[in-house]
Protein backbone atom coordinates (compact mmCIF):
# COMPACT_ATOMS: atom_id res chain seq x y z
CA THR A 1 116.05 86.09 107.58
CA GLY A 2 115.60 83.29 105.04
CA PHE A 3 113.99 85.40 102.32
CA ASN A 4 116.50 88.22 102.95
CA LEU A 5 119.45 85.86 102.56
CA LYS A 6 118.09 84.70 99.20
CA LYS A 7 117.83 88.27 97.95
CA ARG A 8 121.05 89.69 99.38
CA PRO A 9 123.35 87.12 101.04
CA THR A 10 126.03 89.51 102.29
CA MET A 11 123.93 92.63 102.83
CA ALA A 12 121.22 90.70 104.63
CA MET A 13 123.71 89.17 107.07
CA CYS A 14 125.31 92.56 107.76
CA ASN A 15 121.94 94.26 108.21
CA ASN A 16 120.62 91.48 110.44
CA THR A 17 123.73 91.68 112.60
CA LYS A 18 123.43 95.46 112.98
CA ILE A 19 119.71 95.20 113.76
CA SER A 20 120.35 92.48 116.33
CA VAL A 21 123.01 94.59 118.04
CA GLN A 22 120.76 97.65 118.02
CA ARG A 23 117.83 95.68 119.44
CA LYS A 24 119.98 94.20 122.20
CA ALA A 25 121.40 97.61 123.05
CA THR A 26 117.95 99.23 122.98
CA ASP A 27 116.25 96.46 124.95
């Protein structure tokens, strides 16, 4: 997540949150 935060602070956080939720729901 570090490199993503450097590129897109807000977008990266939003995307990471969505991915985390999707992974938890899928798993």
